[in-house]
């Protein structure tokens, strides 16, 4: 059987979702479609959707669901997504999941699987709150536990100061997790009722998680 090629990837902040999305899309030979990339592409090309989204983003507001859905619809209709795609960061809530179902129904296609990356909250906080960024333009990244600098607070590469971004603070991470719990975890339950969701642990090395994800997708494929 051909591999599953229409996949939604979900997971909390710090689960390594972006890294795994890129790797899995490459393994499956499908485009990686993330909401962040959609926003940036539409804004840089100054599309009608991009101009509308920029108004909200410049004001510090979330881009409304209907705009996000329209951007996703436009992207999934491009030639490189004809044989599949990996959605990352969309759908972000049940309303978007329902809209995606309707969109796919009009295109006479269905999702193959929803891959849920699971990770303990304590590990999420450790991963994100431990990051330190170099103040130089190159912005080298270190971690107080996993890849610490040789000298505390000093970049190994250029000797500039290392700092913690405001959105990496433990307080901010906990707030982001609350938003995830409220908005995105219900999406997982939504897809579980459709028999599409499969959960894997995102603990371990990048290679281990990728292998785990591919094995989980193979099991789903075998069950169909």
Protein backbone atom coordinates (compact mmCIF):
# COMPACT_ATOMS: atom_id res chain seq x y z
CA UNK A 1 0.00 0.00 0.00
CA UNK A 2 1.21 3.59 -0.59
CA UNK A 3 2.13 5.52 2.56
CA UNK A 4 -0.36 7.81 4.24
CA UNK A 5 0.06 11.23 2.71
CA UNK A 6 -2.64 13.53 4.15
CA UNK A 7 -1.65 14.12 7.72
CA UNK A 8 -2.28 16.63 10.50
CA UNK A 9 0.48 17.00 13.09
CA UNK A 10 -0.44 18.31 16.53
CA UNK A 11 1.49 18.75 19.74
CA UNK A 12 2.13 21.28 22.51
CA UNK A 13 4.87 23.92 22.45
CA UNK A 14 8.24 22.28 22.99
CA UNK A 15 7.22 18.90 21.55
CA UNK A 16 9.51 19.35 18.55
CA UNK A 17 6.59 19.62 16.17
CA UNK A 18 8.29 21.90 13.65
CA UNK A 19 11.36 19.68 13.41
CA UNK A 20 9.30 16.52 13.04
CA UNK A 21 6.96 18.13 10.51
CA UNK A 22 9.90 19.00 8.25
CA UNK A 23 11.45 15.54 8.58
CA UNK A 24 8.20 13.62 8.08
CA UNK A 25 7.18 15.74 5.08
CA UNK A 26 10.54 14.93 3.52
CA UNK A 27 10.20 11.22 4.23
CA UNK A 28 6.69 11.16 2.75
CA UNK A 29 7.53 13.48 -0.18
CA UNK A 30 4.68 15.89 0.60
CA UNK A 31 4.73 19.63 1.33
CA UNK A 32 4.96 20.80 4.93
CA UNK A 33 2.19 23.36 5.38
CA UNK A 34 2.43 25.45 8.56
CA UNK A 35 0.24 28.38 9.52
CA UNK A 36 3.32 30.50 10.20
CA UNK A 37 4.64 29.87 6.70
CA UNK A 38 1.19 30.58 5.24
CA UNK A 39 1.02 33.95 6.98
CA UNK A 40 4.56 34.93 5.98
CA UNK A 41 4.12 33.83 2.36
CA UNK A 42 0.83 35.67 1.89
CA UNK A 43 2.13 38.82 3.58
CA UNK A 44 5.40 38.85 1.61
CA UNK A 45 3.51 38.36 -1.67
CA UNK A 46 1.01 41.02 -0.58
CA UNK A 47 -1.96 38.85 -1.47
CA UNK A 48 -5.43 39.99 -0.51
CA UNK A 49 -5.47 37.42 2.28
CA UNK A 50 -2.02 38.50 3.42
CA UNK A 51 -2.99 42.18 3.60
CA UNK A 52 -6.06 41.32 5.68
CA UNK A 53 -4.05 39.07 8.01
CA UNK A 54 -1.34 41.72 8.47
CA UNK A 55 -3.87 44.17 9.89
CA UNK A 56 -4.66 41.75 12.71
CA UNK A 57 -1.03 40.72 13.28
CA UNK A 58 0.20 44.32 13.40
CA UNK A 59 -2.46 45.04 16.03
CA UNK A 60 -1.23 42.08 18.09
CA UNK A 61 -4.39 40.04 17.47
CA UNK A 62 -4.80 36.45 16.33
CA UNK A 63 -5.61 36.00 12.66
CA UNK A 64 -9.33 35.05 12.48
CA UNK A 65 -10.20 31.44 11.68
CA UNK A 66 -11.83 32.31 8.37
CA UNK A 67 -8.63 33.93 7.05
CA UNK A 68 -6.46 31.04 8.22
CA UNK A 69 -8.85 28.58 6.58
CA UNK A 70 -8.81 30.49 3.29
CA UNK A 71 -5.01 30.52 3.25
CA UNK A 72 -4.89 26.79 4.00
CA UNK A 73 -7.45 26.11 1.27
CA UNK A 74 -5.42 28.07 -1.27
CA UNK A 75 -2.21 26.27 -0.29
CA UNK A 76 -3.69 22.76 -0.40
CA UNK A 77 -4.97 23.41 -3.92
CA UNK A 78 -1.47 24.07 -5.26
CA UNK A 79 0.03 21.38 -7.54
CA UNK A 80 2.66 20.13 -5.10
CA UNK A 81 -0.07 19.22 -2.58
CA UNK A 82 -2.10 17.22 -5.08
CA UNK A 83 -0.84 13.89 -3.75
CA UNK A 84 -0.75 14.82 -0.09
CA UNK A 85 0.34 17.28 2.58
CA UNK A 86 1.38 17.55 6.19
CA UNK A 87 -0.50 20.24 8.10
CA UNK A 88 1.35 21.79 11.04
CA UNK A 89 -0.41 24.25 13.34
CA UNK A 90 -3.72 23.84 11.53
CA UNK A 91 -6.36 23.05 12.61
CA UNK A 92 -5.68 24.81 15.91
CA UNK A 93 -9.19 24.46 17.34
CA UNK A 94 -12.33 22.40 16.76
CA UNK A 95 -13.93 25.12 14.64
CA UNK A 96 -10.96 24.96 12.24
CA UNK A 97 -11.09 21.14 12.28
CA UNK A 98 -14.74 21.21 11.26
CA UNK A 99 -13.97 23.73 8.52
CA UNK A 100 -11.13 21.52 7.29
CA UNK A 101 -13.49 18.55 7.10
CA UNK A 102 -15.89 20.58 4.98
CA UNK A 103 -13.07 21.80 2.75
CA UNK A 104 -11.74 18.29 2.16
CA UNK A 105 -15.24 17.02 1.50
CA UNK A 106 -15.66 19.56 -1.32
CA UNK A 107 -12.35 18.34 -2.78
CA UNK A 108 -13.48 14.68 -2.43
CA UNK A 109 -10.45 13.80 -0.30
CA UNK A 110 -10.05 12.68 3.30
CA UNK A 111 -7.42 12.88 6.00
CA UNK A 112 -5.35 9.76 6.50
CA UNK A 113 -4.15 10.35 10.06
CA UNK A 114 -3.70 12.88 12.86
CA UNK A 115 -0.37 12.41 14.62
CA UNK A 116 -0.34 13.67 18.21
CA UNK A 117 3.06 14.32 19.80
CA UNK A 118 2.78 13.78 23.55
CA UNK A 119 5.24 15.11 26.13
CA UNK A 120 5.04 15.70 29.91
CA UNK A 121 4.45 19.30 30.96
CA UNK A 122 7.59 19.34 33.11
CA UNK A 123 9.74 18.38 30.13
CA UNK A 124 8.11 21.09 27.99
CA UNK A 125 8.95 23.75 30.55
CA UNK A 126 12.50 22.42 30.89
CA UNK A 127 13.02 22.42 27.12
CA UNK A 128 11.70 25.91 26.46
CA UNK A 129 12.63 27.79 29.65
CA UNK A 130 16.19 26.45 29.42
CA UNK A 131 16.88 28.02 26.02
CA UNK A 132 19.40 30.84 25.83
CA UNK A 133 19.94 32.95 22.72
CA UNK A 134 23.03 34.89 21.69
CA UNK A 135 22.42 38.64 21.32
CA UNK A 136 24.52 38.77 18.15
CA UNK A 137 22.81 38.85 14.76
CA UNK A 138 23.60 35.15 14.28
CA UNK A 139 21.47 34.35 17.37
CA UNK A 140 23.22 31.09 18.28
CA UNK A 141 21.06 28.89 20.52
CA UNK A 142 22.18 27.09 23.68
CA UNK A 143 20.37 25.23 26.45
CA UNK A 144 21.26 25.29 30.12
CA UNK A 145 20.79 21.50 30.40
CA UNK A 146 21.13 19.94 26.92
CA UNK A 147 23.75 22.13 25.23
CA UNK A 148 25.18 24.55 27.80
CA UNK A 149 27.84 27.11 26.86
CA UNK A 150 31.37 26.60 28.18
CA UNK A 151 31.01 29.83 30.18
CA UNK A 152 27.65 30.62 31.77
CA UNK A 153 25.85 33.43 29.95
CA UNK A 154 28.47 33.72 27.20
CA UNK A 155 28.18 32.49 23.60
CA UNK A 156 30.83 29.90 22.69
CA UNK A 157 30.89 31.12 19.07
CA UNK A 158 31.27 34.89 19.32
CA UNK A 159 31.56 35.69 23.03
CA UNK A 160 28.42 37.81 23.10
CA UNK A 161 25.87 37.70 25.91
CA UNK A 162 23.28 34.93 26.10
CA UNK A 163 19.76 35.82 27.19
CA UNK A 164 16.34 34.24 27.70
CA UNK A 165 13.60 35.51 25.39
CA UNK A 166 10.49 36.83 27.12
CA UNK A 167 8.32 34.16 25.47
CA UNK A 168 10.65 31.44 26.80
CA UNK A 169 10.09 32.32 30.46
CA UNK A 170 8.41 29.65 32.60
CA UNK A 171 5.42 31.92 33.24
CA UNK A 172 4.89 32.51 29.52
CA UNK A 173 5.33 28.83 28.70
CA UNK A 174 2.66 27.89 31.26
CA UNK A 175 0.27 30.40 29.68
CA UNK A 176 0.96 28.94 26.23
CA UNK A 177 0.23 25.47 27.59
CA UNK A 178 -3.07 26.71 29.02
CA UNK A 179 -4.05 28.01 25.58
CA UNK A 180 -3.03 24.68 24.03
CA UNK A 181 -5.06 22.75 26.59
CA UNK A 182 -8.13 24.89 26.02
CA UNK A 183 -8.01 25.21 22.23
CA UNK A 184 -6.01 22.37 20.69
CA UNK A 185 -6.38 19.34 22.95
CA UNK A 186 -10.12 19.20 22.05
CA UNK A 187 -8.99 18.84 18.41
CA UNK A 188 -7.28 15.57 19.33
CA UNK A 189 -10.49 14.28 20.91
CA UNK A 190 -12.42 15.43 17.83
CA UNK A 191 -10.23 13.28 15.58
CA UNK A 192 -10.20 10.37 18.01
CA UNK A 193 -13.96 10.05 17.51
CA UNK A 194 -13.22 9.69 13.78
CA UNK A 195 -10.59 7.03 14.43
CA UNK A 196 -7.86 9.20 12.91
CA UNK A 197 -5.75 10.25 15.91
CA UNK A 198 -2.66 8.31 16.94
CA UNK A 199 -0.51 9.44 19.87
CA UNK A 200 3.24 8.93 20.22
CA UNK A 201 5.79 10.10 22.76
CA UNK A 202 8.08 12.91 21.61
CA UNK A 203 10.67 12.13 24.27
CA UNK A 204 14.04 10.95 23.03
CA UNK A 205 16.29 11.99 20.17
CA UNK A 206 14.98 13.60 16.99
CA UNK A 207 15.73 10.39 15.06
CA UNK A 208 13.91 8.25 17.63
CA UNK A 209 10.77 10.39 17.46
CA UNK A 210 10.81 10.38 13.65
CA UNK A 211 11.11 6.61 13.59
CA UNK A 212 8.32 6.31 16.16
CA UNK A 213 6.09 8.57 14.06
CA UNK A 214 6.68 6.64 10.83
CA UNK A 215 6.00 3.33 12.61
CA UNK A 216 2.75 4.73 14.02
CA UNK A 217 1.65 5.87 10.56
CA UNK A 218 2.45 2.42 9.15
CA UNK A 219 0.24 0.84 11.82
CA UNK A 220 -2.62 3.15 10.92
CA UNK A 221 -2.11 2.29 7.24
CA UNK A 222 -2.18 -1.45 8.00
CA UNK A 223 -5.43 -1.05 9.94
CA UNK A 224 -7.23 0.55 7.00
